[in-house]
Structure formats: C-alpha cells, structure tokens
C-alpha atoms as a PDB file:
ATOM      1  CA  MET A   1       5.219 -31.821  17.091  1.00  0.00           C
ATOM      2  CA  PRO A   2       1.311 -31.777  17.100  1.00  0.00           C
ATOM      3  CA  TYR A   3      -1.110 -29.084  16.066  1.00  0.00           C
ATOM      4  CA  ALA A   4      -4.502 -28.296  17.743  1.00  0.00           C
ATOM      5  CA  ALA A   5      -7.428 -26.019  16.582  1.00  0.00           C
ATOM      6  CA  ILE A   6      -9.685 -24.035  18.941  1.00  0.00           C
ATOM      7  CA  THR A   7     -12.953 -22.787  17.534  1.00  0.00           C
ATOM      8  CA  TYR A   8     -14.951 -19.711  18.254  1.00  0.00           C
ATOM      9  CA  ARG A   9     -18.403 -19.062  16.885  1.00  0.00           C
ATOM     10  CA  ILE A  10     -18.516 -15.343  16.050  1.00  0.00           C
ATOM     11  CA  LYS A  11     -21.196 -12.821  14.664  1.00  0.00           C
ATOM     12  CA  PRO A  12     -20.798 -12.650  10.978  1.00  0.00           C
ATOM     13  CA  GLY A  13     -19.633  -9.418   9.358  1.00  0.00           C
ATOM     14  CA  HIS A  14     -16.957  -8.494  11.877  1.00  0.00           C
ATOM     15  CA  GLU A  15     -14.000 -10.094  10.139  1.00  0.00           C
ATOM     16  CA  ASP A  16     -12.010  -6.891  10.040  1.00  0.00           C
ATOM     17  CA  GLU A  17     -12.592  -5.978  13.674  1.00  0.00           C
ATOM     18  CA  ILE A  18     -11.625  -9.406  14.796  1.00  0.00           C
ATOM     19  CA  ALA A  19      -8.373  -9.133  12.625  1.00  0.00           C
ATOM     20  CA  ASP A  20      -7.640  -5.914  14.332  1.00  0.00           C
ATOM     21  CA  ILE A  21      -8.077  -7.292  17.775  1.00  0.00           C
ATOM     22  CA  PHE A  22      -5.732 -10.143  16.821  1.00  0.00           C
ATOM     23  CA  ALA A  23      -3.187  -7.766  15.283  1.00  0.00           C
ATOM     24  CA  GLY A  24      -2.567  -6.236  18.611  1.00  0.00           C
ATOM     25  CA  PHE A  25      -2.442  -9.598  20.643  1.00  0.00           C
ATOM     26  CA  GLN A  26       0.008  -9.489  23.430  1.00  0.00           C
ATOM     27  CA  ARG A  27       2.144 -12.612  23.051  1.00  0.00           C
ATOM     28  CA  VAL A  28       2.663 -14.912  25.944  1.00  0.00           C
ATOM     29  CA  ASP A  29       5.485 -14.173  28.406  1.00  0.00           C
ATOM     30  CA  THR A  30       7.348 -17.378  27.535  1.00  0.00           C
ATOM     31  CA  PRO A  31       6.725 -20.263  24.993  1.00  0.00           C
ATOM     32  CA  GLU A  32       7.844 -22.869  27.721  1.00  0.00           C
ATOM     33  CA  TYR A  33       4.946 -24.241  29.880  1.00  0.00           C
ATOM     34  CA  ALA A  34       4.708 -26.414  32.837  1.00  0.00           C
ATOM     35  CA  ASP A  35       2.261 -29.144  34.045  1.00  0.00           C
ATOM     36  CA  ALA A  36       0.004 -28.884  37.103  1.00  0.00           C
ATOM     37  CA  ASP A  37       3.014 -29.811  39.350  1.00  0.00           C
ATOM     38  CA  GLY A  38       5.204 -27.152  37.758  1.00  0.00           C
ATOM     39  CA  SER A  39       7.454 -29.504  35.965  1.00  0.00           C
ATOM     40  CA  ALA A  40       8.334 -28.624  32.377  1.00  0.00           C
ATOM     41  CA  ALA A  41       5.519 -29.909  30.085  1.00  0.00           C
ATOM     42  CA  GLY A  42       6.241 -28.556  26.699  1.00  0.00           C
ATOM     43  CA  ARG A  43       6.692 -25.448  24.457  1.00  0.00           C
ATOM     44  CA  LEU A  44       4.409 -23.377  22.137  1.00  0.00           C
ATOM     45  CA  LEU A  45       5.992 -23.391  18.637  1.00  0.00           C
ATOM     46  CA  GLY A  46       3.565 -21.003  16.937  1.00  0.00           C
ATOM     47  CA  THR A  47      -0.056 -20.065  16.365  1.00  0.00           C
ATOM     48  CA  ALA A  48      -2.307 -18.915  13.567  1.00  0.00           C
ATOM     49  CA  VAL A  49      -5.747 -17.410  13.534  1.00  0.00           C
ATOM     50  CA  PHE A  50      -8.323 -17.857  10.732  1.00  0.00           C
ATOM     51  CA  VAL A  51     -11.612 -16.123  10.415  1.00  0.00           C
ATOM     52  CA  ARG A  52     -14.472 -16.599   7.837  1.00  0.00           C
ATOM     53  CA  ASP A  53     -18.058 -15.762   8.151  1.00  0.00           C
ATOM     54  CA  ASP A  54     -19.323 -17.150  11.690  1.00  0.00           C
ATOM     55  CA  MET A  55     -16.227 -19.024  12.433  1.00  0.00           C
ATOM     56  CA  LEU A  56     -12.834 -18.224  13.882  1.00  0.00           C
ATOM     57  CA  VAL A  57     -10.158 -20.846  14.377  1.00  0.00           C
ATOM     58  CA  ARG A  58      -6.958 -20.642  16.170  1.00  0.00           C
ATOM     59  CA  VAL A  59      -4.320 -23.208  15.207  1.00  0.00           C
ATOM     60  CA  ILE A  60      -1.605 -24.024  17.861  1.00  0.00           C
ATOM     61  CA  HIS A  61       1.582 -25.708  17.065  1.00  0.00           C
ATOM     62  CA  TYR A  62       3.086 -27.153  20.275  1.00  0.00           C
ATOM     63  CA  GLU A  63       5.285 -29.858  21.652  1.00  0.00           C
ATOM     64  CA  GLY A  64       4.489 -31.628  24.868  1.00  0.00           C
ATOM     65  CA  GLU A  65       1.307 -31.930  27.012  1.00  0.00           C
ATOM     66  CA  PHE A  66      -1.671 -30.252  25.260  1.00  0.00           C
ATOM     67  CA  ALA A  67      -3.670 -29.885  28.735  1.00  0.00           C
ATOM     68  CA  ALA A  68      -0.777 -27.745  29.935  1.00  0.00           C
ATOM     69  CA  VAL A  69      -1.187 -25.456  27.137  1.00  0.00           C
ATOM     70  CA  GLY A  70      -4.656 -24.444  28.234  1.00  0.00           C
ATOM     71  CA  ARG A  71      -3.464 -23.882  31.756  1.00  0.00           C
ATOM     72  CA  HIS A  72      -0.452 -21.721  30.341  1.00  0.00           C
ATOM     73  CA  MET A  73      -2.667 -19.512  28.142  1.00  0.00           C
ATOM     74  CA  ALA A  74      -5.229 -19.038  31.018  1.00  0.00           C
ATOM     75  CA  ALA A  75      -2.411 -17.499  33.043  1.00  0.00           C
ATOM     76  CA  GLN A  76      -1.512 -14.977  30.376  1.00  0.00           C
ATOM     77  CA  LYS A  77      -2.625 -11.345  30.762  1.00  0.00           C
ATOM     78  CA  GLY A  78      -2.626 -10.909  27.027  1.00  0.00           C
ATOM     79  CA  VAL A  79      -4.976 -13.694  26.619  1.00  0.00           C
ATOM     80  CA  HIS A  80      -7.529 -12.028  28.987  1.00  0.00           C
ATOM     81  CA  LEU A  81      -7.276  -8.722  27.418  1.00  0.00           C
ATOM     82  CA  LEU A  82      -7.873 -10.286  24.039  1.00  0.00           C
ATOM     83  CA  GLU A  83     -10.869 -12.241  25.490  1.00  0.00           C
ATOM     84  CA  GLU A  84     -12.450  -9.008  26.735  1.00  0.00           C
ATOM     85  CA  LYS A  85     -11.963  -7.354  23.238  1.00  0.00           C
ATOM     86  CA  LEU A  86     -13.373 -10.341  21.561  1.00  0.00           C
ATOM     87  CA  ALA A  87     -16.546 -10.868  23.685  1.00  0.00           C
ATOM     88  CA  PRO A  88     -18.728  -8.416  21.811  1.00  0.00           C
ATOM     89  CA  TYR A  89     -18.233 -10.321  18.535  1.00  0.00           C
ATOM     90  CA  LEU A  90     -18.791 -13.852  19.910  1.00  0.00           C
ATOM     91  CA  ALA A  91     -22.100 -15.469  18.926  1.00  0.00           C
ATOM     92  CA  GLU A  92     -22.017 -17.380  22.205  1.00  0.00           C
ATOM     93  CA  GLU A  93     -21.061 -16.093  25.566  1.00  0.00           C
ATOM     94  CA  ARG A  94     -18.438 -17.961  27.523  1.00  0.00           C
ATOM     95  CA  ASP A  95     -16.900 -17.662  30.781  1.00  0.00           C
ATOM     96  CA  THR A  96     -13.187 -17.224  30.580  1.00  0.00           C
ATOM     97  CA  SER A  97     -12.853 -14.963  33.553  1.00  0.00           C
ATOM     98  CA  THR A  98     -10.810 -17.352  35.765  1.00  0.00           C
ATOM     99  CA  PRO A  99      -7.978 -19.717  34.937  1.00  0.00           C
ATOM    100  CA  GLN A 100     -10.259 -22.736  35.574  1.00  0.00           C
ATOM    101  CA  ALA A 101     -13.037 -21.281  33.418  1.00  0.00           C
ATOM    102  CA  PHE A 102     -10.534 -20.566  30.698  1.00  0.00           C
ATOM    103  CA  ALA A 103      -8.933 -23.900  30.726  1.00  0.00           C
ATOM    104  CA  ALA A 104     -12.461 -25.523  30.581  1.00  0.00           C
ATOM    105  CA  TYR A 105     -13.414 -23.561  27.654  1.00  0.00           C
ATOM    106  CA  PHE A 106     -10.220 -24.238  25.965  1.00  0.00           C
ATOM    107  CA  ARG A 107     -10.695 -27.913  26.502  1.00  0.00           C
ATOM    108  CA  ASN A 108     -14.224 -27.894  25.194  1.00  0.00           C
ATOM    109  CA  ALA A 109     -13.464 -25.826  22.077  1.00  0.00           C
ATOM    110  CA  VAL A 110     -10.719 -28.039  20.639  1.00  0.00           C
ATOM    111  CA  MET A 111     -11.646 -29.487  17.331  1.00  0.00           C
ATOM    112  CA  ARG A 112     -11.029 -33.271  16.578  1.00  0.00           C
ATOM    113  CA  ARG A 113      -7.893 -33.773  14.742  1.00  0.00           C
ATOM    114  CA  VAL A 114      -8.497 -36.103  11.759  1.00  0.00           C
ATOM    115  CA  SER A 115      -5.064 -35.915  10.122  1.00  0.00           C
ATOM    116  CA  GLU A 116      -1.698 -34.439  10.703  1.00  0.00           C
ATOM    117  CA  LEU A 117       1.057 -34.781   8.078  1.00  0.00           C
ATOM    118  CA  THR A 118       4.520 -33.488   8.572  1.00  0.00           C
ATOM    119  CA  VAL A 119       7.746 -33.784   6.742  1.00  0.00           C
ATOM    120  CA  ASP A 120       8.729 -36.451   9.573  1.00  0.00           C
ATOM    121  CA  THR A 121       5.956 -38.556   8.227  1.00  0.00           C
ATOM    122  CA  HIS A 122       6.624 -38.221   4.449  1.00  0.00           C
ATOM    123  CA  PRO A 123       7.826 -41.223   2.755  1.00  0.00           C
ATOM    124  CA  VAL A 124      11.303 -41.041   1.799  1.00  0.00           C
ATOM    125  CA  SER A 125      11.981 -40.711  -1.919  1.00  0.00           C
ATOM    126  CA  GLY A 126      12.636 -43.905  -3.702  1.00  0.00           C
ATOM    127  CA  ALA A 127      11.578 -46.018  -0.714  1.00  0.00           C
ATOM    128  CA  PRO A 128       8.824 -48.590  -1.312  1.00  0.00           C
ATOM    129  CA  THR A 129       5.445 -47.441  -0.078  1.00  0.00           C
ATOM    130  CA  ALA A 130       2.858 -49.704   1.438  1.00  0.00           C
END
C-alpha cells in the first residue's frame, strides 16, 4: 500500500495559522474512490500533514490507482474549503477552483518517491539476506 507526498510552498512564519486550518479540515465523504469510468479504483488509508518554514507536505497513504486519488479529492467540498483558507498563506498562487484544475495541481505537486519500506518488505528474522 503506497504513499505519496504533495508539496505546498508557503509563506514562512504562518505555521500556527496553517495548523489551525488543517485542524478544522472536513474529511472526505468516503475513503473509497473510483476511476474515470466510475469503477472502484482504490481507497484512502490515511493522511498526515507536516509544516516547517516555507514548506508544507501532505502525505497520503492509499491503495489502488493514484491518479484517481486526485480526482476524488477534487470532488470533495472540504478540500475546496481548505484550499480557500490556505490561499493567503501560499507563496505561489495556484488554480484549484475546478476539479480539472485541482487534479492538475495535485498531479504536478507530487514529490518523487525514492524509497518506501513497509513491514511487508522487511526481511524475515533469521532468513538469509542478499
């Protein structure tokens, strides 16, 4: 079950205001999401948000098709409310006003994954390692 990280460049010195915004975040209506055809595409397992100086990072734990995560999030009212509240603290303006614009930003803001270790990939105790 993979993870993805989305970046936001923010104006430094507003960590507390941003923490307050995320503390009031309205969760998605369902963790299940569909692909473009409406077929089941996966499930959101969890999210975490980190902030420091001029960087905000949102980590998403999911299963299934990642492209469908952006489409799902773009359709959520709570996400758009959060985007409106967050806008004054962003270092760079971005258009997230429509589902298509939000999905494009979401796609472009994903960080490159360089490692992902889970208990499933941990070598079994006592087994030979390569």
